[in-house]
Amino acid sequence: MELDPDLLRRTWWATDWDDEASVLRRILPQLASALVNGEVMPMIGMMDVGRSLTRAGWQHWPADQTDAVHRFLNAWWVSSLTSPDAAVPAYGVVDPVGNDRLRCVRLSAAAALRAQ
């Protein structure tokens, strides 16, 4: 069941969940779609999306889930850099998080761009 856009925002924006990882895993498909489609307002909380991923500890999820998040971030990053009509620039989420795994996403995206 999809959440109303306001409830979706309030869900990933909240910092007081007992199990942030479970909450984020539940809403991540809808949140990822909203991010790619520009339905998350950059001035309202793009940095908070990145922080939400970090708080949920996505790097410590089961391998298949971590891999899926990594592939999504990488594909979104490359798309935002190469598509002139990208709805939202990925750097709004990726840069503020500042962890090594997301830096790897930026580096691998840059390598993919050089290879094109």
N, C-alpha and C. Protein backbone atom coordinates (compact mmCIF):
# COMPACT_ATOMS: atom_id res chain seq x y z
N MET A 1 0.84 -1.16 0.00
CA MET A 1 0.00 0.00 0.00
C MET A 1 0.90 1.24 0.00
N GLU A 2 0.63 2.15 -0.94
CA GLU A 2 1.41 3.38 -1.01
C GLU A 2 0.95 4.37 0.04
N LEU A 3 1.90 5.14 0.51
CA LEU A 3 1.60 6.18 1.49
C LEU A 3 1.26 7.48 0.77
N ASP A 4 0.42 8.28 1.38
CA ASP A 4 0.17 9.63 0.91
C ASP A 4 1.52 10.35 0.88
N PRO A 5 1.78 11.24 -0.10
CA PRO A 5 3.09 11.91 -0.18
C PRO A 5 3.50 12.61 1.11
N ASP A 6 2.56 13.24 1.81
CA ASP A 6 2.92 13.90 3.06
C ASP A 6 3.32 12.89 4.13
N LEU A 7 2.60 11.78 4.21
CA LEU A 7 2.94 10.75 5.19
C LEU A 7 4.28 10.11 4.83
N LEU A 8 4.55 9.92 3.55
CA LEU A 8 5.84 9.39 3.12
C LEU A 8 6.96 10.31 3.59
N ARG A 9 6.81 11.62 3.37
CA ARG A 9 7.83 12.57 3.79
C ARG A 9 8.03 12.54 5.30
N ARG A 10 6.92 12.55 6.03
CA ARG A 10 7.02 12.54 7.49
C ARG A 10 7.64 11.24 7.99
N THR A 11 7.45 10.15 7.26
CA THR A 11 7.99 8.86 7.67
C THR A 11 9.51 8.84 7.55
N TRP A 12 10.04 9.27 6.38
CA TRP A 12 11.51 9.24 6.26
C TRP A 12 12.16 10.40 6.98
N TRP A 13 11.42 11.45 7.25
CA TRP A 13 11.97 12.62 7.92
C TRP A 13 12.11 12.40 9.43
N ALA A 14 11.26 11.56 9.99
CA ALA A 14 11.26 11.34 11.43
C ALA A 14 12.57 10.71 11.89
N THR A 15 13.03 11.13 13.04
CA THR A 15 14.29 10.61 13.58
C THR A 15 14.08 9.77 14.84
N ASP A 16 12.83 9.51 15.18
CA ASP A 16 12.56 8.84 16.45
C ASP A 16 11.96 7.43 16.30
N TRP A 17 12.16 6.81 15.15
CA TRP A 17 11.69 5.43 15.00
C TRP A 17 12.55 4.50 15.82
N ASP A 18 11.94 3.48 16.42
CA ASP A 18 12.72 2.49 17.18
C ASP A 18 13.57 1.63 16.25
N ASP A 19 13.06 1.34 15.06
CA ASP A 19 13.77 0.49 14.10
C ASP A 19 13.75 1.19 12.75
N GLU A 20 14.63 2.18 12.60
CA GLU A 20 14.63 2.97 11.37
C GLU A 20 14.90 2.12 10.13
N ALA A 21 15.72 1.08 10.28
CA ALA A 21 16.03 0.23 9.14
C ALA A 21 14.77 -0.44 8.60
N SER A 22 13.94 -0.98 9.47
CA SER A 22 12.71 -1.64 9.03
C SER A 22 11.75 -0.65 8.39
N VAL A 23 11.65 0.53 8.98
CA VAL A 23 10.76 1.55 8.42
C VAL A 23 11.23 1.96 7.04
N LEU A 24 12.52 2.23 6.90
CA LEU A 24 13.03 2.68 5.61
C LEU A 24 12.93 1.58 4.56
N ARG A 25 13.22 0.34 4.94
CA ARG A 25 13.07 -0.76 3.97
C ARG A 25 11.63 -0.85 3.48
N ARG A 26 10.68 -0.57 4.35
CA ARG A 26 9.25 -0.63 3.98
C ARG A 26 8.88 0.47 2.97
N ILE A 27 9.43 1.66 3.15
CA ILE A 27 9.03 2.78 2.29
C ILE A 27 10.00 3.06 1.15
N LEU A 28 11.16 2.39 1.13
CA LEU A 28 12.19 2.73 0.16
C LEU A 28 11.76 2.60 -1.30
N PRO A 29 11.01 1.59 -1.68
CA PRO A 29 10.59 1.56 -3.10
C PRO A 29 9.79 2.81 -3.49
N GLN A 30 8.86 3.23 -2.65
CA GLN A 30 8.07 4.41 -2.96
C GLN A 30 8.93 5.67 -2.85
N LEU A 31 9.80 5.74 -1.87
CA LEU A 31 10.68 6.90 -1.72
C LEU A 31 11.63 7.01 -2.91
N ALA A 32 12.20 5.89 -3.34
CA ALA A 32 13.11 5.93 -4.49
C ALA A 32 12.39 6.44 -5.73
N SER A 33 11.18 5.97 -5.95
CA SER A 33 10.39 6.43 -7.08
C SER A 33 10.12 7.93 -6.97
N ALA A 34 9.76 8.38 -5.78
CA ALA A 34 9.49 9.81 -5.57
C ALA A 34 10.75 10.64 -5.81
N LEU A 35 11.90 10.13 -5.40
CA LEU A 35 13.16 10.85 -5.62
C LEU A 35 13.45 11.00 -7.11
N VAL A 36 13.37 9.90 -7.83
CA VAL A 36 13.68 9.91 -9.26
C VAL A 36 12.70 10.78 -10.03
N ASN A 37 11.46 10.80 -9.61
CA ASN A 37 10.43 11.57 -10.33
C ASN A 37 10.33 13.02 -9.87
N GLY A 38 11.22 13.43 -8.98
CA GLY A 38 11.22 14.82 -8.53
C GLY A 38 10.08 15.17 -7.60
N GLU A 39 9.52 14.18 -6.94
CA GLU A 39 8.40 14.42 -6.03
C GLU A 39 8.84 14.73 -4.61
N VAL A 40 10.15 14.71 -4.37
CA VAL A 40 10.71 15.11 -3.09
C VAL A 40 11.32 16.48 -3.33
N MET A 41 10.83 17.46 -2.61
CA MET A 41 11.25 18.83 -2.84
C MET A 41 12.67 19.06 -2.33
N PRO A 42 13.60 19.44 -3.21
CA PRO A 42 14.99 19.60 -2.80
C PRO A 42 15.20 20.56 -1.63
N MET A 43 14.47 21.64 -1.57
CA MET A 43 14.68 22.61 -0.50
C MET A 43 14.05 22.17 0.81
N ILE A 44 13.24 21.14 0.78
CA ILE A 44 12.56 20.70 1.99
C ILE A 44 13.30 19.57 2.69
N GLY A 45 14.11 18.82 1.97
CA GLY A 45 14.73 17.74 2.71
C GLY A 45 15.59 16.76 1.97
N MET A 46 16.20 17.12 0.86
CA MET A 46 17.04 16.16 0.17
C MET A 46 18.18 15.68 1.07
N MET A 47 18.79 16.57 1.84
CA MET A 47 19.84 16.13 2.76
C MET A 47 19.28 15.17 3.79
N ASP A 48 18.04 15.40 4.20
CA ASP A 48 17.43 14.51 5.18
C ASP A 48 17.20 13.11 4.64
N VAL A 49 17.00 12.99 3.33
CA VAL A 49 16.86 11.65 2.75
C VAL A 49 18.17 10.90 2.91
N GLY A 50 19.27 11.56 2.60
CA GLY A 50 20.58 10.93 2.77
C GLY A 50 20.85 10.58 4.22
N ARG A 51 20.49 11.48 5.10
CA ARG A 51 20.67 11.20 6.53
C ARG A 51 19.79 10.05 6.99
N SER A 52 18.60 9.96 6.42
CA SER A 52 17.70 8.86 6.76
C SER A 52 18.32 7.52 6.37
N LEU A 53 18.92 7.48 5.19
CA LEU A 53 19.61 6.25 4.76
C LEU A 53 20.74 5.91 5.73
N THR A 54 21.48 6.91 6.13
CA THR A 54 22.59 6.68 7.04
C THR A 54 22.09 6.21 8.40
N ARG A 55 21.06 6.86 8.95
CA ARG A 55 20.51 6.46 10.25
C ARG A 55 19.99 5.02 10.21
N ALA A 56 19.44 4.63 9.06
CA ALA A 56 18.89 3.27 8.92
C ALA A 56 19.99 2.23 8.75
N GLY A 57 21.24 2.70 8.58
CA GLY A 57 22.36 1.77 8.48
C GLY A 57 22.27 0.84 7.28
N TRP A 58 21.87 1.37 6.14
CA TRP A 58 21.63 0.53 4.97
C TRP A 58 22.84 -0.31 4.58
N GLN A 59 24.05 0.13 4.93
CA GLN A 59 25.25 -0.63 4.60
C GLN A 59 25.33 -1.93 5.38
N HIS A 60 24.53 -2.07 6.44
CA HIS A 60 24.56 -3.26 7.28
C HIS A 60 23.32 -4.14 7.09
N TRP A 61 22.51 -3.82 6.11
CA TRP A 61 21.35 -4.65 5.80
C TRP A 61 21.83 -5.94 5.16
N PRO A 62 20.95 -6.92 4.97
CA PRO A 62 21.34 -8.13 4.26
C PRO A 62 21.94 -7.77 2.89
N ALA A 63 22.85 -8.60 2.43
CA ALA A 63 23.63 -8.30 1.23
C ALA A 63 22.78 -7.96 0.01
N ASP A 64 21.69 -8.69 -0.20
CA ASP A 64 20.86 -8.42 -1.38
C ASP A 64 20.21 -7.04 -1.29
N GLN A 65 19.83 -6.62 -0.09
CA GLN A 65 19.22 -5.30 0.09
C GLN A 65 20.26 -4.19 -0.03
N THR A 66 21.43 -4.40 0.55
CA THR A 66 22.51 -3.41 0.44
C THR A 66 22.90 -3.24 -1.03
N ASP A 67 23.00 -4.35 -1.73
CA ASP A 67 23.35 -4.31 -3.15
C ASP A 67 22.29 -3.56 -3.95
N ALA A 68 21.02 -3.79 -3.64
CA ALA A 68 19.94 -3.09 -4.36
C ALA A 68 20.00 -1.58 -4.11
N VAL A 69 20.24 -1.17 -2.87
CA VAL A 69 20.34 0.27 -2.57
C VAL A 69 21.55 0.85 -3.29
N HIS A 70 22.66 0.16 -3.24
CA HIS A 70 23.88 0.64 -3.91
C HIS A 70 23.65 0.79 -5.41
N ARG A 71 23.02 -0.21 -6.03
CA ARG A 71 22.75 -0.14 -7.48
C ARG A 71 21.80 1.02 -7.80
N PHE A 72 20.78 1.21 -6.96
CA PHE A 72 19.86 2.33 -7.18
C PHE A 72 20.60 3.65 -7.10
N LEU A 73 21.38 3.86 -6.02
CA LEU A 73 22.10 5.13 -5.86
C LEU A 73 23.06 5.37 -7.02
N ASN A 74 23.74 4.32 -7.44
CA ASN A 74 24.69 4.45 -8.54
C ASN A 74 23.96 4.81 -9.84
N ALA A 75 22.88 4.10 -10.14
CA ALA A 75 22.14 4.38 -11.38
C ALA A 75 21.53 5.77 -11.35
N TRP A 76 21.01 6.17 -10.20
CA TRP A 76 20.40 7.50 -10.09
C TRP A 76 21.46 8.58 -10.24
N TRP A 77 22.62 8.36 -9.64
CA TRP A 77 23.71 9.32 -9.73
C TRP A 77 24.15 9.50 -11.18
N VAL A 78 24.40 8.39 -11.88
CA VAL A 78 24.82 8.47 -13.29
C VAL A 78 23.73 9.14 -14.12
N SER A 79 22.48 8.76 -13.91
CA SER A 79 21.38 9.35 -14.66
C SER A 79 21.28 10.85 -14.41
N SER A 80 21.45 11.25 -13.17
CA SER A 80 21.32 12.68 -12.86
C SER A 80 22.45 13.49 -13.48
N LEU A 81 23.59 12.85 -13.69
CA LEU A 81 24.73 13.55 -14.29
C LEU A 81 24.65 13.57 -15.81
N THR A 82 24.00 12.58 -16.39
CA THR A 82 24.00 12.46 -17.84
C THR A 82 22.69 12.88 -18.50
N SER A 83 21.63 12.96 -17.73
CA SER A 83 20.34 13.32 -18.30
C SER A 83 20.10 14.82 -18.16
N PRO A 84 19.93 15.52 -19.27
CA PRO A 84 19.71 16.96 -19.17
C PRO A 84 18.37 17.31 -18.51
N ASP A 85 17.45 16.36 -18.47
CA ASP A 85 16.14 16.65 -17.88
C ASP A 85 15.89 15.85 -16.60
N ALA A 86 16.97 15.54 -15.87
CA ALA A 86 16.82 14.83 -14.60
C ALA A 86 15.94 15.66 -13.67
N ALA A 87 14.98 15.02 -13.05
CA ALA A 87 14.04 15.73 -12.18
C ALA A 87 14.73 16.33 -10.96
N VAL A 88 15.71 15.60 -10.41
CA VAL A 88 16.41 16.05 -9.21
C VAL A 88 17.87 15.65 -9.34
N PRO A 89 18.80 16.56 -9.03
CA PRO A 89 20.21 16.17 -9.06
C PRO A 89 20.54 15.26 -7.88
N ALA A 90 21.21 14.16 -8.15
CA ALA A 90 21.50 13.19 -7.10
C ALA A 90 22.44 13.73 -6.04
N TYR A 91 23.27 14.72 -6.37
CA TYR A 91 24.21 15.22 -5.37
C TYR A 91 23.50 15.79 -4.15
N GLY A 92 22.25 16.14 -4.28
CA GLY A 92 21.51 16.65 -3.14
C GLY A 92 21.34 15.63 -2.04
N VAL A 93 21.34 14.35 -2.40
CA VAL A 93 21.23 13.29 -1.40
C VAL A 93 22.60 12.70 -1.12
N VAL A 94 23.38 12.47 -2.14
CA VAL A 94 24.62 11.73 -1.98
C VAL A 94 25.69 12.52 -1.24
N ASP A 95 25.96 13.75 -1.61
CA ASP A 95 27.07 14.48 -1.00
C ASP A 95 26.95 14.72 0.49
N PRO A 96 25.78 15.14 0.99
CA PRO A 96 25.71 15.45 2.42
C PRO A 96 25.89 14.25 3.34
N VAL A 97 25.67 13.05 2.84
CA VAL A 97 25.76 11.88 3.71
C VAL A 97 27.19 11.68 4.16
N GLY A 98 28.14 11.79 3.23
CA GLY A 98 29.55 11.77 3.57
C GLY A 98 30.11 10.46 4.08
N ASN A 99 29.51 9.32 3.77
CA ASN A 99 30.14 8.08 4.21
C ASN A 99 30.90 7.45 3.06
N ASP A 100 31.78 6.54 3.37
CA ASP A 100 32.67 5.98 2.36
C ASP A 100 31.92 5.23 1.27
N ARG A 101 30.86 4.51 1.63
CA ARG A 101 30.13 3.74 0.63
C ARG A 101 29.52 4.65 -0.42
N LEU A 102 28.97 5.79 0.00
CA LEU A 102 28.37 6.70 -0.97
C LEU A 102 29.44 7.43 -1.77
N ARG A 103 30.61 7.67 -1.17
CA ARG A 103 31.71 8.23 -1.96
C ARG A 103 32.08 7.25 -3.07
N CYS A 104 32.03 5.96 -2.77
CA CYS A 104 32.31 4.95 -3.79
C CYS A 104 31.28 5.03 -4.91
N VAL A 105 30.03 5.33 -4.57
CA VAL A 105 29.00 5.49 -5.60
C VAL A 105 29.40 6.63 -6.53
N ARG A 106 29.83 7.75 -5.97
CA ARG A 106 30.22 8.89 -6.80
C ARG A 106 31.42 8.53 -7.66
N LEU A 107 32.40 7.84 -7.09
CA LEU A 107 33.59 7.49 -7.84
C LEU A 107 33.28 6.52 -8.96
N SER A 108 32.43 5.52 -8.69
CA SER A 108 32.10 4.56 -9.74
C SER A 108 31.24 5.24 -10.81
N ALA A 109 30.40 6.18 -10.42
CA ALA A 109 29.62 6.92 -11.41
C ALA A 109 30.54 7.75 -12.29
N ALA A 110 31.53 8.39 -11.69
CA ALA A 110 32.47 9.18 -12.47
C ALA A 110 33.23 8.29 -13.44
N ALA A 111 33.61 7.10 -13.00
CA ALA A 111 34.31 6.18 -13.88
C ALA A 111 33.41 5.75 -15.03
N ALA A 112 32.13 5.52 -14.75
CA ALA A 112 31.19 5.14 -15.80
C ALA A 112 31.03 6.26 -16.82
N LEU A 113 31.04 7.49 -16.35
CA LEU A 113 30.92 8.63 -17.27
C LEU A 113 32.15 8.72 -18.17
N ARG A 114 33.32 8.50 -17.59
CA ARG A 114 34.55 8.57 -18.40
C ARG A 114 34.56 7.47 -19.45
N ALA A 115 33.95 6.33 -19.14
CA ALA A 115 33.95 5.20 -20.07
C ALA A 115 33.00 5.41 -21.24
N GLN A 116 32.07 6.35 -21.11
CA GLN A 116 31.07 6.55 -22.17
C GLN A 116 31.65 7.30 -23.35
